[in-house]
N, C-alpha and C. Protein backbone atom coordinates (compact mmCIF):
# COMPACT_ATOMS: atom_id res chain seq x y z
N MET A 1 -34.22 2.48 -19.03
CA MET A 1 -33.64 1.59 -18.05
C MET A 1 -34.78 0.84 -17.36
N ALA A 2 -34.62 -0.47 -17.22
CA ALA A 2 -35.63 -1.30 -16.56
C ALA A 2 -35.67 -1.00 -15.08
N LYS A 3 -36.86 -1.06 -14.51
CA LYS A 3 -37.02 -0.87 -13.07
C LYS A 3 -36.44 -2.07 -12.33
N VAL A 4 -35.81 -1.80 -11.21
CA VAL A 4 -35.20 -2.85 -10.40
C VAL A 4 -36.27 -3.66 -9.69
N GLY A 5 -37.33 -3.03 -9.28
CA GLY A 5 -38.40 -3.71 -8.57
C GLY A 5 -38.15 -3.74 -7.08
N ARG A 6 -39.19 -4.13 -6.35
CA ARG A 6 -39.15 -4.16 -4.89
C ARG A 6 -39.62 -5.52 -4.42
N MET A 7 -39.25 -5.84 -3.18
CA MET A 7 -39.67 -7.11 -2.57
C MET A 7 -39.72 -6.95 -1.06
N LYS A 8 -40.52 -7.78 -0.43
CA LYS A 8 -40.56 -7.82 1.03
C LYS A 8 -39.39 -8.65 1.52
N LEU A 9 -38.79 -8.17 2.60
CA LEU A 9 -37.67 -8.87 3.22
C LEU A 9 -38.10 -9.26 4.62
N GLY A 10 -38.20 -10.54 4.87
CA GLY A 10 -38.64 -11.00 6.18
C GLY A 10 -40.14 -10.89 6.33
N SER A 11 -40.59 -10.99 7.58
CA SER A 11 -42.03 -11.03 7.86
C SER A 11 -42.54 -9.79 8.58
N GLN A 12 -41.68 -8.77 8.76
CA GLN A 12 -42.09 -7.60 9.53
C GLN A 12 -42.44 -6.40 8.67
N GLY A 13 -42.52 -6.59 7.35
CA GLY A 13 -42.99 -5.52 6.48
C GLY A 13 -41.92 -4.69 5.79
N LEU A 14 -40.64 -4.95 6.05
CA LEU A 14 -39.59 -4.19 5.39
C LEU A 14 -39.60 -4.52 3.91
N GLU A 15 -39.66 -3.50 3.08
CA GLU A 15 -39.63 -3.66 1.64
C GLU A 15 -38.35 -3.01 1.12
N VAL A 16 -37.65 -3.72 0.24
CA VAL A 16 -36.36 -3.25 -0.27
C VAL A 16 -36.31 -3.41 -1.78
N SER A 17 -35.32 -2.78 -2.41
CA SER A 17 -35.11 -3.00 -3.84
C SER A 17 -34.63 -4.44 -4.04
N ARG A 18 -35.02 -5.03 -5.17
CA ARG A 18 -34.63 -6.41 -5.45
C ARG A 18 -33.11 -6.57 -5.59
N GLN A 19 -32.46 -5.51 -5.95
CA GLN A 19 -31.01 -5.50 -6.03
C GLN A 19 -30.50 -4.54 -4.96
N GLY A 20 -29.44 -4.92 -4.31
CA GLY A 20 -28.86 -4.06 -3.29
C GLY A 20 -27.47 -3.61 -3.67
N LEU A 21 -26.96 -2.67 -2.90
CA LEU A 21 -25.60 -2.19 -3.09
C LEU A 21 -24.80 -2.50 -1.84
N GLY A 22 -23.89 -3.46 -1.95
CA GLY A 22 -22.97 -3.76 -0.87
C GLY A 22 -21.84 -2.75 -0.91
N CYS A 23 -21.62 -2.06 0.18
CA CYS A 23 -20.69 -0.92 0.19
C CYS A 23 -19.31 -1.25 0.74
N MET A 24 -19.06 -2.48 1.13
CA MET A 24 -17.80 -2.87 1.75
C MET A 24 -16.58 -2.45 0.93
N GLY A 25 -16.57 -2.77 -0.35
CA GLY A 25 -15.40 -2.53 -1.19
C GLY A 25 -15.06 -1.06 -1.37
N MET A 26 -15.97 -0.19 -1.00
CA MET A 26 -15.70 1.24 -1.11
C MET A 26 -14.66 1.71 -0.09
N SER A 27 -14.59 1.01 1.03
CA SER A 27 -13.75 1.46 2.14
C SER A 27 -12.74 0.42 2.63
N ALA A 28 -12.87 -0.82 2.22
CA ALA A 28 -12.02 -1.85 2.82
C ALA A 28 -11.96 -3.12 1.98
N PHE A 29 -10.93 -3.89 2.22
CA PHE A 29 -10.77 -5.27 1.80
C PHE A 29 -10.42 -5.51 0.34
N TYR A 30 -10.77 -4.63 -0.57
CA TYR A 30 -10.43 -4.82 -1.99
C TYR A 30 -9.51 -3.69 -2.43
N GLY A 31 -8.33 -3.64 -1.84
CA GLY A 31 -7.40 -2.56 -2.14
C GLY A 31 -7.66 -1.38 -1.24
N PRO A 32 -6.99 -0.27 -1.52
CA PRO A 32 -7.15 0.92 -0.68
C PRO A 32 -8.56 1.50 -0.82
N PRO A 33 -8.99 2.28 0.18
CA PRO A 33 -10.30 2.92 0.08
C PRO A 33 -10.39 3.75 -1.20
N LYS A 34 -11.57 3.76 -1.78
CA LYS A 34 -11.80 4.52 -3.00
C LYS A 34 -12.05 5.99 -2.65
N PRO A 35 -11.83 6.91 -3.59
CA PRO A 35 -12.06 8.33 -3.30
C PRO A 35 -13.50 8.58 -2.85
N GLU A 36 -13.63 9.28 -1.73
CA GLU A 36 -14.94 9.52 -1.13
C GLU A 36 -15.91 10.18 -2.11
N GLU A 37 -15.47 11.18 -2.83
CA GLU A 37 -16.35 11.87 -3.78
C GLU A 37 -16.89 10.91 -4.84
N ASP A 38 -16.03 10.02 -5.34
CA ASP A 38 -16.46 9.04 -6.34
C ASP A 38 -17.47 8.06 -5.75
N MET A 39 -17.25 7.64 -4.52
CA MET A 39 -18.15 6.68 -3.90
C MET A 39 -19.51 7.32 -3.59
N ILE A 40 -19.51 8.57 -3.20
CA ILE A 40 -20.78 9.27 -2.96
C ILE A 40 -21.55 9.38 -4.28
N LYS A 41 -20.86 9.68 -5.37
CA LYS A 41 -21.51 9.72 -6.69
C LYS A 41 -22.08 8.35 -7.05
N LEU A 42 -21.33 7.29 -6.76
CA LEU A 42 -21.79 5.93 -7.04
C LEU A 42 -23.05 5.60 -6.23
N ILE A 43 -23.03 5.95 -4.96
CA ILE A 43 -24.20 5.70 -4.11
C ILE A 43 -25.41 6.47 -4.63
N HIS A 44 -25.22 7.72 -5.00
CA HIS A 44 -26.33 8.52 -5.54
C HIS A 44 -26.83 7.94 -6.86
N HIS A 45 -25.92 7.49 -7.72
CA HIS A 45 -26.32 6.86 -8.98
C HIS A 45 -27.14 5.60 -8.70
N SER A 46 -26.71 4.83 -7.74
CA SER A 46 -27.43 3.62 -7.36
C SER A 46 -28.86 3.96 -6.94
N ILE A 47 -28.99 4.93 -6.07
CA ILE A 47 -30.31 5.33 -5.56
C ILE A 47 -31.18 5.85 -6.70
N ASN A 48 -30.60 6.67 -7.57
CA ASN A 48 -31.35 7.21 -8.71
C ASN A 48 -31.70 6.15 -9.74
N SER A 49 -31.06 4.98 -9.65
CA SER A 49 -31.36 3.85 -10.53
C SER A 49 -32.26 2.83 -9.85
N ASP A 50 -32.90 3.22 -8.76
CA ASP A 50 -33.84 2.39 -8.00
C ASP A 50 -33.19 1.28 -7.17
N VAL A 51 -31.88 1.27 -7.04
CA VAL A 51 -31.20 0.34 -6.14
C VAL A 51 -31.07 1.09 -4.81
N THR A 52 -31.99 0.80 -3.91
CA THR A 52 -32.12 1.59 -2.68
C THR A 52 -31.81 0.81 -1.41
N PHE A 53 -31.46 -0.46 -1.54
CA PHE A 53 -31.10 -1.27 -0.38
C PHE A 53 -29.58 -1.24 -0.25
N LEU A 54 -29.08 -0.49 0.74
CA LEU A 54 -27.66 -0.29 0.93
C LEU A 54 -27.19 -1.05 2.16
N ASP A 55 -26.05 -1.74 2.02
CA ASP A 55 -25.55 -2.59 3.10
C ASP A 55 -24.14 -2.17 3.49
N THR A 56 -23.93 -2.01 4.80
CA THR A 56 -22.63 -1.65 5.36
C THR A 56 -22.40 -2.45 6.64
N SER A 57 -21.31 -2.15 7.33
CA SER A 57 -21.00 -2.78 8.61
C SER A 57 -20.03 -1.90 9.36
N ASP A 58 -20.06 -2.02 10.68
CA ASP A 58 -19.10 -1.26 11.49
C ASP A 58 -17.67 -1.72 11.25
N VAL A 59 -17.47 -2.93 10.78
CA VAL A 59 -16.12 -3.46 10.59
C VAL A 59 -15.49 -3.00 9.26
N TYR A 60 -16.30 -2.45 8.34
CA TYR A 60 -15.76 -2.01 7.06
C TYR A 60 -14.99 -0.71 7.24
N GLY A 61 -13.70 -0.80 7.15
CA GLY A 61 -12.83 0.37 7.30
C GLY A 61 -11.74 0.15 8.33
N PRO A 62 -11.98 -0.14 9.56
CA PRO A 62 -13.27 -0.20 10.24
C PRO A 62 -13.86 1.20 10.44
N HIS A 63 -15.15 1.25 10.50
CA HIS A 63 -15.96 2.43 10.80
C HIS A 63 -16.11 3.42 9.64
N THR A 64 -15.14 3.49 8.74
CA THR A 64 -15.17 4.54 7.72
C THR A 64 -16.28 4.36 6.70
N ASN A 65 -16.73 3.13 6.47
CA ASN A 65 -17.80 2.92 5.51
C ASN A 65 -19.12 3.49 6.02
N GLU A 66 -19.39 3.34 7.31
CA GLU A 66 -20.60 3.94 7.87
C GLU A 66 -20.53 5.46 7.79
N ILE A 67 -19.37 6.03 8.02
CA ILE A 67 -19.21 7.48 7.92
C ILE A 67 -19.47 7.92 6.48
N LEU A 68 -18.94 7.19 5.51
CA LEU A 68 -19.17 7.48 4.10
C LEU A 68 -20.66 7.45 3.78
N LEU A 69 -21.36 6.40 4.22
CA LEU A 69 -22.80 6.30 3.96
C LEU A 69 -23.55 7.46 4.59
N GLY A 70 -23.16 7.84 5.79
CA GLY A 70 -23.80 8.98 6.45
C GLY A 70 -23.67 10.25 5.63
N LYS A 71 -22.49 10.48 5.08
CA LYS A 71 -22.27 11.66 4.24
C LYS A 71 -23.09 11.57 2.95
N ALA A 72 -23.11 10.41 2.34
CA ALA A 72 -23.81 10.22 1.06
C ALA A 72 -25.32 10.39 1.20
N LEU A 73 -25.85 10.11 2.38
CA LEU A 73 -27.30 10.11 2.55
C LEU A 73 -27.84 11.41 3.14
N LYS A 74 -27.02 12.44 3.17
CA LYS A 74 -27.47 13.77 3.61
C LYS A 74 -28.39 14.37 2.55
N GLY A 75 -29.08 15.43 2.93
CA GLY A 75 -29.85 16.20 1.96
C GLY A 75 -31.05 15.48 1.39
N GLY A 76 -31.71 14.67 2.20
CA GLY A 76 -32.93 13.99 1.75
C GLY A 76 -32.72 12.62 1.14
N MET A 77 -31.49 12.22 0.90
CA MET A 77 -31.24 10.90 0.30
C MET A 77 -31.60 9.77 1.27
N ARG A 78 -31.48 10.01 2.57
CA ARG A 78 -31.78 8.97 3.55
C ARG A 78 -33.21 8.47 3.42
N ASP A 79 -34.12 9.36 3.09
CA ASP A 79 -35.53 8.99 2.97
C ASP A 79 -35.81 8.10 1.76
N LYS A 80 -34.85 7.94 0.87
CA LYS A 80 -35.04 7.17 -0.36
C LYS A 80 -34.47 5.76 -0.27
N VAL A 81 -33.86 5.40 0.87
CA VAL A 81 -33.17 4.12 0.95
C VAL A 81 -33.64 3.28 2.13
N GLU A 82 -33.29 2.00 2.05
CA GLU A 82 -33.41 1.08 3.16
C GLU A 82 -31.96 0.75 3.52
N LEU A 83 -31.57 1.09 4.73
CA LEU A 83 -30.18 0.97 5.14
C LEU A 83 -29.99 -0.23 6.08
N ALA A 84 -29.05 -1.08 5.72
CA ALA A 84 -28.70 -2.22 6.56
C ALA A 84 -27.27 -2.04 7.07
N SER A 85 -27.06 -2.37 8.33
CA SER A 85 -25.71 -2.40 8.88
C SER A 85 -25.59 -3.62 9.79
N LYS A 86 -24.36 -4.00 10.02
CA LYS A 86 -24.11 -5.23 10.77
C LYS A 86 -23.21 -4.97 11.97
N PHE A 87 -23.27 -5.90 12.92
CA PHE A 87 -22.43 -5.90 14.12
C PHE A 87 -21.91 -7.31 14.32
N GLY A 88 -20.94 -7.46 15.19
CA GLY A 88 -20.54 -8.80 15.60
C GLY A 88 -19.07 -9.12 15.44
N ILE A 89 -18.32 -8.30 14.68
CA ILE A 89 -16.90 -8.56 14.51
C ILE A 89 -16.13 -7.35 15.02
N ILE A 90 -15.19 -7.60 15.91
CA ILE A 90 -14.28 -6.54 16.33
C ILE A 90 -12.85 -7.06 16.18
N TYR A 91 -11.95 -6.14 15.92
CA TYR A 91 -10.55 -6.50 15.80
C TYR A 91 -9.78 -5.97 16.99
N THR A 92 -9.04 -6.86 17.64
CA THR A 92 -8.16 -6.51 18.74
C THR A 92 -6.78 -7.04 18.38
N ASP A 93 -5.82 -6.16 18.30
CA ASP A 93 -4.45 -6.57 17.93
C ASP A 93 -4.46 -7.39 16.63
N GLU A 94 -5.22 -6.91 15.66
CA GLU A 94 -5.34 -7.53 14.34
C GLU A 94 -5.93 -8.93 14.36
N LYS A 95 -6.57 -9.30 15.47
CA LYS A 95 -7.23 -10.60 15.58
C LYS A 95 -8.73 -10.36 15.68
N ALA A 96 -9.50 -11.07 14.86
CA ALA A 96 -10.95 -10.91 14.87
C ALA A 96 -11.55 -11.60 16.08
N GLU A 97 -12.49 -10.92 16.71
CA GLU A 97 -13.26 -11.50 17.80
C GLU A 97 -14.73 -11.36 17.43
N ILE A 98 -15.49 -12.42 17.65
CA ILE A 98 -16.93 -12.42 17.37
C ILE A 98 -17.65 -12.14 18.66
N ARG A 99 -18.56 -11.14 18.64
CA ARG A 99 -19.29 -10.76 19.86
C ARG A 99 -20.78 -10.73 19.59
N GLY A 100 -21.55 -11.20 20.56
CA GLY A 100 -22.99 -11.16 20.44
C GLY A 100 -23.69 -10.90 21.75
N ASP A 101 -22.93 -10.49 22.77
CA ASP A 101 -23.56 -10.22 24.06
C ASP A 101 -24.36 -8.92 23.98
N PRO A 102 -25.50 -8.84 24.66
CA PRO A 102 -26.40 -7.69 24.54
C PRO A 102 -25.75 -6.34 24.82
N GLY A 103 -24.86 -6.26 25.78
CA GLY A 103 -24.20 -4.98 26.07
C GLY A 103 -23.38 -4.51 24.88
N TYR A 104 -22.67 -5.44 24.26
CA TYR A 104 -21.90 -5.11 23.06
C TYR A 104 -22.82 -4.69 21.92
N VAL A 105 -23.92 -5.42 21.72
CA VAL A 105 -24.84 -5.12 20.62
C VAL A 105 -25.37 -3.69 20.77
N ARG A 106 -25.78 -3.34 21.96
CA ARG A 106 -26.31 -1.99 22.20
C ARG A 106 -25.24 -0.93 21.92
N ALA A 107 -24.04 -1.13 22.44
CA ALA A 107 -22.95 -0.16 22.24
C ALA A 107 -22.59 -0.07 20.76
N ALA A 108 -22.56 -1.21 20.08
CA ALA A 108 -22.23 -1.21 18.65
C ALA A 108 -23.29 -0.45 17.85
N CYS A 109 -24.56 -0.67 18.18
CA CYS A 109 -25.64 0.02 17.48
C CYS A 109 -25.56 1.53 17.71
N GLU A 110 -25.38 1.93 18.95
CA GLU A 110 -25.28 3.36 19.26
C GLU A 110 -24.10 4.00 18.53
N SER A 111 -22.98 3.30 18.45
CA SER A 111 -21.81 3.82 17.74
C SER A 111 -22.07 3.91 16.24
N SER A 112 -22.74 2.90 15.68
CA SER A 112 -23.07 2.94 14.25
C SER A 112 -23.99 4.11 13.94
N LEU A 113 -25.00 4.33 14.78
CA LEU A 113 -25.91 5.45 14.56
C LEU A 113 -25.15 6.79 14.59
N LYS A 114 -24.19 6.92 15.48
CA LYS A 114 -23.40 8.15 15.54
C LYS A 114 -22.56 8.32 14.28
N ARG A 115 -21.90 7.24 13.84
CA ARG A 115 -21.07 7.35 12.64
C ARG A 115 -21.93 7.65 11.42
N LEU A 116 -23.09 7.03 11.33
CA LEU A 116 -24.00 7.28 10.21
C LEU A 116 -24.66 8.65 10.31
N ASP A 117 -24.65 9.23 11.50
CA ASP A 117 -25.32 10.49 11.79
C ASP A 117 -26.81 10.37 11.48
N MET A 118 -27.39 9.30 12.02
CA MET A 118 -28.81 8.98 11.80
C MET A 118 -29.43 8.52 13.10
N ASP A 119 -30.75 8.48 13.13
CA ASP A 119 -31.43 7.98 14.32
C ASP A 119 -32.09 6.63 14.08
N CYS A 120 -31.88 6.04 12.90
CA CYS A 120 -32.53 4.76 12.61
C CYS A 120 -31.72 3.98 11.57
N ILE A 121 -31.56 2.70 11.82
CA ILE A 121 -31.02 1.75 10.85
C ILE A 121 -32.17 0.82 10.52
N ASP A 122 -32.49 0.66 9.25
CA ASP A 122 -33.68 -0.11 8.87
C ASP A 122 -33.53 -1.61 9.14
N LEU A 123 -32.36 -2.16 8.92
CA LEU A 123 -32.09 -3.56 9.19
C LEU A 123 -30.73 -3.65 9.86
N TYR A 124 -30.72 -4.05 11.12
CA TYR A 124 -29.48 -4.17 11.89
C TYR A 124 -29.33 -5.64 12.24
N TYR A 125 -28.27 -6.26 11.73
CA TYR A 125 -28.18 -7.70 11.92
C TYR A 125 -26.76 -8.15 12.24
N GLN A 126 -26.68 -9.39 12.70
CA GLN A 126 -25.43 -9.94 13.18
C GLN A 126 -24.58 -10.43 12.02
N HIS A 127 -23.36 -9.90 11.93
CA HIS A 127 -22.43 -10.22 10.85
C HIS A 127 -21.92 -11.66 10.97
N ARG A 128 -21.56 -12.04 12.16
CA ARG A 128 -21.12 -13.41 12.47
C ARG A 128 -21.78 -13.81 13.78
N ILE A 129 -22.11 -15.07 13.90
CA ILE A 129 -22.79 -15.58 15.09
C ILE A 129 -21.75 -15.87 16.19
N ASP A 130 -22.02 -15.33 17.36
CA ASP A 130 -21.21 -15.62 18.55
C ASP A 130 -21.77 -16.90 19.15
N THR A 131 -21.08 -18.00 18.96
CA THR A 131 -21.58 -19.30 19.41
C THR A 131 -21.58 -19.45 20.92
N ARG A 132 -20.97 -18.49 21.62
CA ARG A 132 -20.97 -18.53 23.09
C ARG A 132 -22.25 -17.94 23.67
N VAL A 133 -23.02 -17.22 22.83
CA VAL A 133 -24.22 -16.53 23.31
C VAL A 133 -25.42 -17.03 22.52
N PRO A 134 -26.41 -17.60 23.17
CA PRO A 134 -27.61 -18.04 22.44
C PRO A 134 -28.23 -16.86 21.68
N ILE A 135 -28.69 -17.11 20.47
CA ILE A 135 -29.25 -16.05 19.64
C ILE A 135 -30.39 -15.33 20.34
N GLU A 136 -31.16 -16.05 21.17
CA GLU A 136 -32.25 -15.42 21.91
C GLU A 136 -31.74 -14.34 22.86
N ILE A 137 -30.55 -14.53 23.37
CA ILE A 137 -29.94 -13.54 24.27
C ILE A 137 -29.41 -12.37 23.44
N THR A 138 -28.77 -12.66 22.31
CA THR A 138 -28.23 -11.60 21.46
C THR A 138 -29.32 -10.64 21.01
N VAL A 139 -30.46 -11.15 20.58
CA VAL A 139 -31.49 -10.27 20.00
C VAL A 139 -32.46 -9.72 21.03
N HIS A 140 -32.43 -10.22 22.26
CA HIS A 140 -33.29 -9.67 23.30
C HIS A 140 -32.78 -8.29 23.68
N HIS A 141 -33.72 -7.39 23.90
CA HIS A 141 -33.33 -6.04 24.30
C HIS A 141 -34.40 -5.45 25.19
N PRO A 142 -34.00 -4.56 26.11
CA PRO A 142 -34.99 -3.91 26.98
C PRO A 142 -35.82 -2.91 26.18
N PRO A 143 -37.03 -2.59 26.65
CA PRO A 143 -37.90 -1.65 25.93
C PRO A 143 -37.26 -0.28 25.68
N SER A 144 -36.29 0.11 26.49
CA SER A 144 -35.66 1.42 26.31
C SER A 144 -34.75 1.46 25.08
N LEU A 145 -34.39 0.29 24.52
CA LEU A 145 -33.55 0.24 23.33
C LEU A 145 -34.45 -0.01 22.13
N SER A 146 -34.54 0.95 21.24
CA SER A 146 -35.46 0.82 20.12
C SER A 146 -34.77 0.21 18.91
N LEU A 147 -34.46 -1.08 19.02
CA LEU A 147 -33.91 -1.85 17.90
C LEU A 147 -35.02 -2.68 17.30
N SER A 148 -35.00 -2.86 16.03
CA SER A 148 -35.91 -3.77 15.37
C SER A 148 -35.08 -4.80 14.65
N LEU A 149 -34.86 -5.94 15.27
CA LEU A 149 -34.04 -6.97 14.68
C LEU A 149 -34.90 -8.00 14.00
N SER A 150 -34.59 -8.33 12.77
CA SER A 150 -35.33 -9.34 12.02
C SER A 150 -34.46 -10.55 11.85
N LEU A 151 -35.00 -11.71 12.12
CA LEU A 151 -34.26 -12.96 11.90
C LEU A 151 -34.89 -13.70 10.77
C-alpha cells in the first residue's frame, strides 16, 4: 500500500496526513447513524493506513460524532492522529443559528473537549462565519483559555 504522505497545514507547524477522514457521515446527514462498532473499526483502519487527519464537529449528530471519535481514540490511538473539530452552528427549534461570539466559542470548545474525553483539539476552527462578529473578536481569547486557532 502506498504511503499517504504528510504536509504542513497553515503556518504554525501543524503537520497532517495528505488525506483526511471526514467523520460527519458516520453520525449524521447521510441516513441514520452507522453502527458504532463498524465506525470505530473504520477509524482504526484509516489510522493504520496513515490517514491520521480526522475531522468532526459539535453539530454532527449533534454531539454524537465527537463522542464516537473519543471512544475510537482510546488506548493510545489519540497520539497517532491530528484531530480537527469545528464550532459555530447551533440548532434551536430545528433552525440553524450561526454563532461566533467569544463566550460561545469558549463554551463550545469546553463541551467538545468533554465529549471527546480529551484535553486538546489539534485544530479547532469555525464551521460557519458569524457575520455579526468580526473574526478578530471570534478568535481573540484570554490567556487563561488555551486555544490554538489557525486562520
